[in-house]
C-alpha cells in the first residue's frame, strides 16, 4: 500500500495553476479585483501606473540613432499599401 500513500501526498503538493498575467478581458470579468466605487478617485486625478520606475524609463529622444526606426521610403509605403511584391 505505500504507492497509494504516495499518490495522496502528491495531491496535497500539487496545486491549481494561477496565472500571474491578467488580460484586460479577464480584468473586466472579475469584480473581486476591482476596488469599491466609494474608494475610487475622480478620473482627473488618476495616475498612469507602469511596471517600470520612472527613473529607469527611456524616452524615445534618448535612444541612440541605431535603435530608432528609420522613416519608410515612398517605395516601401506603396508596397505595403498594395499588399507586397507582385509577380
PDB file of N, CA and C in Angstrom:
ATOM      1  N   UNK A   1       0.776  -1.215   0.000  1.00  0.00           N
ATOM      2  CA  UNK A   1       0.000   0.000   0.000  1.00  0.00           C
ATOM      3  C   UNK A   1       0.823   1.288   0.000  1.00  0.00           C
ATOM      4  N   UNK A   2       2.123   1.267   0.066  1.00  0.00           N
ATOM      5  CA  UNK A   2       2.883   2.519   0.037  1.00  0.00           C
ATOM      6  C   UNK A   2       2.641   3.368  -1.214  1.00  0.00           C
ATOM      7  N   UNK A   3       2.420   2.783  -2.416  1.00  0.00           N
ATOM      8  CA  UNK A   3       2.175   3.657  -3.569  1.00  0.00           C
ATOM      9  C   UNK A   3       0.908   4.497  -3.416  1.00  0.00           C
ATOM     10  N   UNK A   4      -0.128   3.981  -2.779  1.00  0.00           N
ATOM     11  CA  UNK A   4      -1.356   4.754  -2.586  1.00  0.00           C
ATOM     12  C   UNK A   4      -1.091   5.955  -1.690  1.00  0.00           C
ATOM     13  N   UNK A   5      -0.299   5.762  -0.657  1.00  0.00           N
ATOM     14  CA  UNK A   5       0.033   6.869   0.236  1.00  0.00           C
ATOM     15  C   UNK A   5       0.819   7.938  -0.518  1.00  0.00           C
ATOM     16  N   UNK A   6       1.709   7.510  -1.415  1.00  0.00           N
ATOM     17  CA  UNK A   6       2.491   8.472  -2.194  1.00  0.00           C
ATOM     18  C   UNK A   6       1.587   9.317  -3.088  1.00  0.00           C
ATOM     19  N   UNK A   7       0.544   8.710  -3.656  1.00  0.00           N
ATOM     20  CA  UNK A   7      -0.356   9.494  -4.507  1.00  0.00           C
ATOM     21  C   UNK A   7      -1.175  10.472  -3.684  1.00  0.00           C
ATOM     22  N   UNK A   8      -1.544  10.097  -2.476  1.00  0.00           N
ATOM     23  CA  UNK A   8      -2.289  11.019  -1.612  1.00  0.00           C
ATOM     24  C   UNK A   8      -1.416  12.208  -1.245  1.00  0.00           C
ATOM     25  N   UNK A   9      -0.151  11.953  -0.971  1.00  0.00           N
ATOM     26  CA  UNK A   9       0.769  13.033  -0.641  1.00  0.00           C
ATOM     27  C   UNK A   9       0.953  13.942  -1.851  1.00  0.00           C
ATOM     28  N   UNK A  10       1.013  13.368  -3.065  1.00  0.00           N
ATOM     29  CA  UNK A  10       1.178  14.166  -4.272  1.00  0.00           C
ATOM     30  C   UNK A  10      -0.016  15.098  -4.484  1.00  0.00           C
ATOM     31  N   UNK A  11      -1.229  14.647  -4.183  1.00  0.00           N
ATOM     32  CA  UNK A  11      -2.391  15.505  -4.348  1.00  0.00           C
ATOM     33  C   UNK A  11      -2.324  16.698  -3.408  1.00  0.00           C
ATOM     34  N   UNK A  12      -1.728  16.531  -2.265  1.00  0.00           N
ATOM     35  CA  UNK A  12      -1.594  17.647  -1.336  1.00  0.00           C
ATOM     36  C   UNK A  12      -0.559  18.652  -1.818  1.00  0.00           C
ATOM     37  N   UNK A  13       0.432  18.192  -2.583  1.00  0.00           N
ATOM     38  CA  UNK A  13       1.504  19.076  -3.046  1.00  0.00           C
ATOM     39  C   UNK A  13       1.093  19.826  -4.304  1.00  0.00           C
ATOM     40  N   UNK A  14       0.422  19.151  -5.223  1.00  0.00           N
ATOM     41  CA  UNK A  14       0.054  19.760  -6.499  1.00  0.00           C
ATOM     42  C   UNK A  14      -1.102  20.726  -6.284  1.00  0.00           C
ATOM     43  N   UNK A  15      -0.932  21.933  -6.764  1.00  0.00           N
ATOM     44  CA  UNK A  15      -1.970  22.951  -6.624  1.00  0.00           C
ATOM     45  C   UNK A  15      -2.361  23.466  -7.998  1.00  0.00           C
ATOM     46  N   UNK A  16      -3.511  24.035  -8.058  1.00  0.00           N
ATOM     47  CA  UNK A  16      -4.006  24.582  -9.310  1.00  0.00           C
ATOM     48  C   UNK A  16      -3.133  25.752  -9.737  1.00  0.00           C
ATOM     49  N   UNK A  17      -2.842  25.810 -11.045  1.00  0.00           N
ATOM     50  CA  UNK A  17      -2.031  26.901 -11.581  1.00  0.00           C
ATOM     51  C   UNK A  17      -2.853  28.182 -11.634  1.00  0.00           C
ATOM     52  N   UNK A  18      -2.323  29.234 -11.074  1.00  0.00           N
ATOM     53  CA  UNK A  18      -2.970  30.538 -11.130  1.00  0.00           C
ATOM     54  C   UNK A  18      -2.060  31.446 -11.947  1.00  0.00           C
ATOM     55  N   UNK A  19      -2.508  31.911 -13.121  1.00  0.00           N
ATOM     56  CA  UNK A  19      -1.641  32.742 -13.958  1.00  0.00           C
ATOM     57  C   UNK A  19      -1.337  34.078 -13.288  1.00  0.00           C
ATOM     58  N   UNK A  20      -0.114  34.551 -13.481  1.00  0.00           N
ATOM     59  CA  UNK A  20       0.293  35.824 -12.910  1.00  0.00           C
ATOM     60  C   UNK A  20      -0.144  36.994 -13.785  1.00  0.00           C
ATOM     61  N   UNK A  21      -0.367  36.725 -15.075  1.00  0.00           N
ATOM     62  CA  UNK A  21      -0.757  37.775 -16.007  1.00  0.00           C
ATOM     63  C   UNK A  21      -2.268  37.784 -16.137  1.00  0.00           C
ATOM     64  N   UNK A  22      -2.865  38.937 -16.000  1.00  0.00           N
ATOM     65  CA  UNK A  22      -4.310  39.077 -16.207  1.00  0.00           C
ATOM     66  C   UNK A  22      -4.515  39.966 -17.423  1.00  0.00           C
ATOM     67  N   UNK A  23      -5.232  39.447 -18.402  1.00  0.00           N
ATOM     68  CA  UNK A  23      -5.521  40.221 -19.592  1.00  0.00           C
ATOM     69  C   UNK A  23      -6.716  41.125 -19.332  1.00  0.00           C
ATOM     70  N   UNK A  24      -6.895  42.122 -20.185  1.00  0.00           N
ATOM     71  CA  UNK A  24      -7.963  43.095 -19.971  1.00  0.00           C
ATOM     72  C   UNK A  24      -9.327  42.433 -19.924  1.00  0.00           C
ATOM     73  N   UNK A  25      -9.533  41.417 -20.763  1.00  0.00           N
ATOM     74  CA  UNK A  25     -10.832  40.749 -20.772  1.00  0.00           C
ATOM     75  C   UNK A  25     -11.089  40.038 -19.447  1.00  0.00           C
ATOM     76  N   UNK A  26     -10.046  39.495 -18.829  1.00  0.00           N
ATOM     77  CA  UNK A  26     -10.212  38.837 -17.536  1.00  0.00           C
ATOM     78  C   UNK A  26     -10.439  39.863 -16.435  1.00  0.00           C
ATOM     79  N   UNK A  27      -9.813  41.015 -16.550  1.00  0.00           N
ATOM     80  CA  UNK A  27      -9.988  42.044 -15.529  1.00  0.00           C
ATOM     81  C   UNK A  27     -11.412  42.581 -15.537  1.00  0.00           C
ATOM     82  N   UNK A  28     -12.030  42.658 -16.715  1.00  0.00           N
ATOM     83  CA  UNK A  28     -13.396  43.154 -16.793  1.00  0.00           C
ATOM     84  C   UNK A  28     -14.368  42.161 -16.178  1.00  0.00           C
ATOM     85  N   UNK A  29     -14.057  40.860 -16.284  1.00  0.00           N
ATOM     86  CA  UNK A  29     -14.968  39.840 -15.781  1.00  0.00           C
ATOM     87  C   UNK A  29     -14.835  39.597 -14.290  1.00  0.00           C
ATOM     88  N   UNK A  30     -13.701  39.930 -13.684  1.00  0.00           N
ATOM     89  CA  UNK A  30     -13.502  39.607 -12.272  1.00  0.00           C
ATOM     90  C   UNK A  30     -13.763  40.842 -11.406  1.00  0.00           C
ATOM     91  N   UNK A  31     -14.942  40.946 -10.807  1.00  0.00           N
ATOM     92  CA  UNK A  31     -15.246  42.112  -9.974  1.00  0.00           C
ATOM     93  C   UNK A  31     -14.524  42.094  -8.635  1.00  0.00           C
ATOM     94  N   UNK A  32     -13.988  40.958  -8.230  1.00  0.00           N
ATOM     95  CA  UNK A  32     -13.326  40.871  -6.931  1.00  0.00           C
ATOM     96  C   UNK A  32     -12.034  41.670  -6.912  1.00  0.00           C
ATOM     97  N   UNK A  33     -11.378  41.835  -8.054  1.00  0.00           N
ATOM     98  CA  UNK A  33     -10.110  42.551  -8.084  1.00  0.00           C
ATOM     99  C   UNK A  33     -10.300  44.050  -8.198  1.00  0.00           C
ATOM    100  N   UNK A  34     -11.512  44.494  -8.512  1.00  0.00           N
ATOM    101  CA  UNK A  34     -11.753  45.920  -8.648  1.00  0.00           C
ATOM    102  C   UNK A  34     -12.014  46.538  -7.285  1.00  0.00           C
ATOM    103  N   UNK A  35     -11.658  47.803  -7.160  1.00  0.00           N
ATOM    104  CA  UNK A  35     -11.876  48.492  -5.897  1.00  0.00           C
ATOM    105  C   UNK A  35     -13.323  48.944  -5.811  1.00  0.00           C
ATOM    106  N   UNK A  36     -13.856  49.086  -4.627  1.00  0.00           N
ATOM    107  CA  UNK A  36     -15.231  49.568  -4.482  1.00  0.00           C
ATOM    108  C   UNK A  36     -15.375  50.979  -5.048  1.00  0.00           C
ATOM    109  N   UNK A  37     -16.576  51.317  -5.464  1.00  0.00           N
ATOM    110  CA  UNK A  37     -16.796  52.624  -6.088  1.00  0.00           C
ATOM    111  C   UNK A  37     -16.606  53.769  -5.108  1.00  0.00           C
ATOM    112  N   UNK A  38     -16.799  53.526  -3.827  1.00  0.00           N
ATOM    113  CA  UNK A  38     -16.652  54.608  -2.856  1.00  0.00           C
ATOM    114  C   UNK A  38     -15.197  55.021  -2.679  1.00  0.00           C
ATOM    115  N   UNK A  39     -14.248  54.117  -2.944  1.00  0.00           N
ATOM    116  CA  UNK A  39     -12.842  54.452  -2.751  1.00  0.00           C
ATOM    117  C   UNK A  39     -12.157  54.879  -4.040  1.00  0.00           C
ATOM    118  N   UNK A  40     -12.893  54.931  -5.155  1.00  0.00           N
ATOM    119  CA  UNK A  40     -12.278  55.349  -6.405  1.00  0.00           C
ATOM    120  C   UNK A  40     -12.081  56.855  -6.408  1.00  0.00           C
ATOM    121  N   UNK A  41     -10.989  57.265  -7.060  1.00  0.00           N
ATOM    122  CA  UNK A  41     -10.701  58.677  -7.170  1.00  0.00           C
ATOM    123  C   UNK A  41     -11.366  59.222  -8.428  1.00  0.00           C
ATOM    124  N   UNK A  42     -11.578  60.511  -8.494  1.00  0.00           N
ATOM    125  CA  UNK A  42     -12.083  61.087  -9.738  1.00  0.00           C
ATOM    126  C   UNK A  42     -11.099  60.829 -10.873  1.00  0.00           C
ATOM    127  N   UNK A  43     -11.615  60.738 -12.090  1.00  0.00           N
ATOM    128  CA  UNK A  43     -10.765  60.374 -13.220  1.00  0.00           C
ATOM    129  C   UNK A  43      -9.690  61.412 -13.499  1.00  0.00           C
ATOM    130  N   UNK A  44      -9.896  62.650 -13.090  1.00  0.00           N
ATOM    131  CA  UNK A  44      -8.904  63.685 -13.353  1.00  0.00           C
ATOM    132  C   UNK A  44      -7.655  63.510 -12.500  1.00  0.00           C
ATOM    133  N   UNK A  45      -7.751  62.815 -11.377  1.00  0.00           N
ATOM    134  CA  UNK A  45      -6.589  62.641 -10.513  1.00  0.00           C
ATOM    135  C   UNK A  45      -5.946  61.270 -10.659  1.00  0.00           C
ATOM    136  N   UNK A  46      -6.462  60.437 -11.578  1.00  0.00           N
ATOM    137  CA  UNK A  46      -5.854  59.124 -11.768  1.00  0.00           C
ATOM    138  C   UNK A  46      -4.455  59.267 -12.342  1.00  0.00           C
ATOM    139  N   UNK A  47      -3.551  58.470 -11.839  1.00  0.00           N
ATOM    140  CA  UNK A  47      -2.177  58.480 -12.307  1.00  0.00           C
ATOM    141  C   UNK A  47      -1.933  57.192 -13.065  1.00  0.00           C
ATOM    142  N   UNK A  48      -1.300  57.310 -14.230  1.00  0.00           N
ATOM    143  CA  UNK A  48      -0.997  56.123 -15.018  1.00  0.00           C
ATOM    144  C   UNK A  48       0.160  55.404 -14.351  1.00  0.00           C
ATOM    145  N   UNK A  49      -0.077  54.142 -14.002  1.00  0.00           N
ATOM    146  CA  UNK A  49       0.965  53.359 -13.358  1.00  0.00           C
ATOM    147  C   UNK A  49       1.563  52.416 -14.386  1.00  0.00           C
ATOM    148  N   UNK A  50       2.866  52.308 -14.386  1.00  0.00           N
ATOM    149  CA  UNK A  50       3.517  51.376 -15.298  1.00  0.00           C
ATOM    150  C   UNK A  50       4.429  50.476 -14.482  1.00  0.00           C
ATOM    151  N   UNK A  51       4.881  49.413 -15.120  1.00  0.00           N
ATOM    152  CA  UNK A  51       5.686  48.434 -14.409  1.00  0.00           C
ATOM    153  C   UNK A  51       7.133  48.879 -14.256  1.00  0.00           C
ATOM    154  N   UNK A  52       7.541  49.936 -14.955  1.00  0.00           N
ATOM    155  CA  UNK A  52       8.925  50.404 -14.894  1.00  0.00           C
ATOM    156  C   UNK A  52       8.970  51.688 -14.073  1.00  0.00           C
ATOM    157  N   UNK A  53       9.886  51.764 -13.119  1.00  0.00           N
ATOM    158  CA  UNK A  53      10.018  53.011 -12.371  1.00  0.00           C
ATOM    159  C   UNK A  53      10.419  54.157 -13.306  1.00  0.00           C
ATOM    160  N   UNK A  54       9.962  55.375 -13.052  1.00  0.00           N
ATOM    161  CA  UNK A  54      10.255  56.500 -13.952  1.00  0.00           C
ATOM    162  C   UNK A  54      11.744  56.742 -14.162  1.00  0.00           C
ATOM    163  N   UNK A  55      12.551  56.490 -13.155  1.00  0.00           N
ATOM    164  CA  UNK A  55      13.988  56.743 -13.312  1.00  0.00           C
ATOM    165  C   UNK A  55      14.655  55.734 -14.244  1.00  0.00           C
ATOM    166  N   UNK A  56      14.015  54.585 -14.478  1.00  0.00           N
ATOM    167  CA  UNK A  56      14.580  53.584 -15.382  1.00  0.00           C
ATOM    168  C   UNK A  56      13.994  53.671 -16.783  1.00  0.00           C
ATOM    169  N   UNK A  57      12.955  54.457 -16.963  1.00  0.00           N
ATOM    170  CA  UNK A  57      12.312  54.571 -18.269  1.00  0.00           C
ATOM    171  C   UNK A  57      13.197  55.373 -19.217  1.00  0.00           C
ATOM    172  N   UNK A  58      13.152  55.016 -20.491  1.00  0.00           N
ATOM    173  CA  UNK A  58      13.948  55.692 -21.509  1.00  0.00           C
ATOM    174  C   UNK A  58      12.996  56.374 -22.478  1.00  0.00           C
ATOM    175  N   UNK A  59      13.201  57.651 -22.688  1.00  0.00           N
ATOM    176  CA  UNK A  59      12.398  58.394 -23.656  1.00  0.00           C
ATOM    177  C   UNK A  59      12.906  58.095 -25.061  1.00  0.00           C
ATOM    178  N   UNK A  60      12.031  58.263 -26.046  1.00  0.00           N
ATOM    179  CA  UNK A  60      12.411  57.993 -27.433  1.00  0.00           C
ATOM    180  C   UNK A  60      13.550  58.904 -27.869  1.00  0.00           C
ATOM    181  N   UNK A  61      13.578  60.147 -27.398  1.00  0.00           N
ATOM    182  CA  UNK A  61      14.625  61.090 -27.795  1.00  0.00           C
ATOM    183  C   UNK A  61      15.985  60.704 -27.220  1.00  0.00           C
ATOM    184  N   UNK A  62      16.014  59.872 -26.169  1.00  0.00           N
ATOM    185  CA  UNK A  62      17.275  59.468 -25.556  1.00  0.00           C
ATOM    186  C   UNK A  62      17.908  58.256 -26.237  1.00  0.00           C
ATOM    187  N   UNK A  63      17.177  57.613 -27.144  1.00  0.00           N
ATOM    188  CA  UNK A  63      17.705  56.426 -27.805  1.00  0.00           C
ATOM    189  C   UNK A  63      18.815  56.792 -28.777  1.00  0.00           C
ATOM    190  N   UNK A  64      19.761  55.884 -28.930  1.00  0.00           N
ATOM    191  CA  UNK A  64      20.801  56.064 -29.929  1.00  0.00           C
ATOM    192  C   UNK A  64      20.182  55.937 -31.316  1.00  0.00           C
ATOM    193  N   UNK A  65      20.763  56.597 -32.313  1.00  0.00           N
ATOM    194  CA  UNK A  65      20.178  56.550 -33.660  1.00  0.00           C
ATOM    195  C   UNK A  65      20.045  55.141 -34.225  1.00  0.00           C
ATOM    196  N   UNK A  66      20.937  54.231 -33.866  1.00  0.00           N
ATOM    197  CA  UNK A  66      20.854  52.880 -34.432  1.00  0.00           C
ATOM    198  C   UNK A  66      19.645  52.108 -33.895  1.00  0.00           C
ATOM    199  N   UNK A  67      19.048  52.565 -32.802  1.00  0.00           N
ATOM    200  CA  UNK A  67      17.878  51.897 -32.248  1.00  0.00           C
ATOM    201  C   UNK A  67      16.568  52.563 -32.667  1.00  0.00           C
ATOM    202  N   UNK A  68      16.641  53.692 -33.342  1.00  0.00           N
ATOM    203  CA  UNK A  68      15.432  54.383 -33.776  1.00  0.00           C
ATOM    204  C   UNK A  68      14.952  53.803 -35.098  1.00  0.00           C
ATOM    205  N   UNK A  69      13.653  53.836 -35.297  1.00  0.00           N
ATOM    206  CA  UNK A  69      13.072  53.346 -36.543  1.00  0.00           C
ATOM    207  C   UNK A  69      13.294  54.386 -37.633  1.00  0.00           C
ATOM    208  N   UNK A  70      13.796  53.931 -38.769  1.00  0.00           N
ATOM    209  CA  UNK A  70      14.014  54.854 -39.880  1.00  0.00           C
ATOM    210  C   UNK A  70      12.691  55.081 -40.601  1.00  0.00           C
ATOM    211  N   UNK A  71      12.519  56.249 -41.196  1.00  0.00           N
ATOM    212  CA  UNK A  71      11.269  56.506 -41.913  1.00  0.00           C
ATOM    213  C   UNK A  71      11.172  55.642 -43.164  1.00  0.00           C
ATOM    214  N   UNK A  72       9.952  55.260 -43.530  1.00  0.00           N
ATOM    215  CA  UNK A  72       9.740  54.447 -44.721  1.00  0.00           C
ATOM    216  C   UNK A  72       9.890  55.305 -45.972  1.00  0.00           C
ATOM    217  N   UNK A  73      10.433  54.696 -47.022  1.00  0.00           N
ATOM    218  CA  UNK A  73      10.533  55.385 -48.304  1.00  0.00           C
ATOM    219  C   UNK A  73       9.190  55.297 -49.020  1.00  0.00           C
ATOM    220  N   UNK A  74       9.041  56.079 -50.083  1.00  0.00           N
ATOM    221  CA  UNK A  74       7.796  56.054 -50.861  1.00  0.00           C
ATOM    222  C   UNK A  74       7.560  54.671 -51.462  1.00  0.00           C
ATOM    223  N   UNK A  75       8.633  54.008 -51.914  1.00  0.00           N
ATOM    224  CA  UNK A  75       8.503  52.658 -52.488  1.00  0.00           C
ATOM    225  C   UNK A  75       7.966  51.676 -51.452  1.00  0.00           C
ATOM    226  N   UNK A  76       8.509  51.752 -50.245  1.00  0.00           N
ATOM    227  CA  UNK A  76       8.068  50.842 -49.186  1.00  0.00           C
ATOM    228  C   UNK A  76       6.612  51.102 -48.807  1.00  0.00           C
ATOM    229  N   UNK A  77       6.210  52.359 -48.811  1.00  0.00           N
ATOM    230  CA  UNK A  77       4.822  52.693 -48.485  1.00  0.00           C
ATOM    231  C   UNK A  77       3.884  52.121 -49.533  1.00  0.00           C
ATOM    232  N   UNK A  78       4.238  52.271 -50.814  1.00  0.00           N
ATOM    233  CA  UNK A  78       3.373  51.728 -51.867  1.00  0.00           C
ATOM    234  C   UNK A  78       3.347  50.209 -51.821  1.00  0.00           C
ATOM    235  N   UNK A  79       4.476  49.571 -51.504  1.00  0.00           N
ATOM    236  CA  UNK A  79       4.492  48.108 -51.375  1.00  0.00           C
ATOM    237  C   UNK A  79       3.561  47.652 -50.259  1.00  0.00           C
ATOM    238  N   UNK A  80       3.587  48.340 -49.143  1.00  0.00           N
ATOM    239  CA  UNK A  80       2.714  47.970 -48.030  1.00  0.00           C
ATOM    240  C   UNK A  80       1.244  48.209 -48.364  1.00  0.00           C
ATOM    241  N   UNK A  81       0.966  49.277 -49.086  1.00  0.00           N
ATOM    242  CA  UNK A  81      -0.424  49.585 -49.426  1.00  0.00           C
ATOM    243  C   UNK A  81      -0.986  48.616 -50.457  1.00  0.00           C
ATOM    244  N   UNK A  82      -0.133  48.135 -51.375  1.00  0.00           N
ATOM    245  CA  UNK A  82      -0.615  47.212 -52.412  1.00  0.00           C
ATOM    246  C   UNK A  82      -0.622  45.773 -51.935  1.00  0.00           C
ATOM    247  N   UNK A  83      -0.029  45.490 -50.831  1.00  0.00           N
ATOM    248  CA  UNK A  83      -0.073  44.133 -50.289  1.00  0.00           C
ATOM    249  C   UNK A  83       1.175  43.320 -50.553  1.00  0.00           C
ATOM    250  N   UNK A  84       2.263  43.942 -50.910  1.00  0.00           N
ATOM    251  CA  UNK A  84       3.512  43.207 -51.084  1.00  0.00           C
ATOM    252  C   UNK A  84       3.981  43.191 -52.520  1.00  0.00           C
ATOM    253  N   UNK A  85       4.921  42.304 -52.789  1.00  0.00           N
ATOM    254  CA  UNK A  85       5.501  42.197 -54.125  1.00  0.00           C
ATOM    255  C   UNK A  85       4.522  41.546 -55.086  1.00  0.00           C
ATOM    256  N   UNK A  86       4.460  42.055 -56.297  1.00  0.00           N
ATOM    257  CA  UNK A  86       3.598  41.438 -57.315  1.00  0.00           C
ATOM    258  C   UNK A  86       4.475  40.678 -58.296  1.00  0.00           C
ATOM    259  N   UNK A  87       4.035  39.484 -58.663  1.00  0.00           N
ATOM    260  CA  UNK A  87       4.827  38.655 -59.584  1.00  0.00           C
ATOM    261  C   UNK A  87       4.409  38.846 -61.006  1.00  0.00           C
TER     262      UNK A  87
END
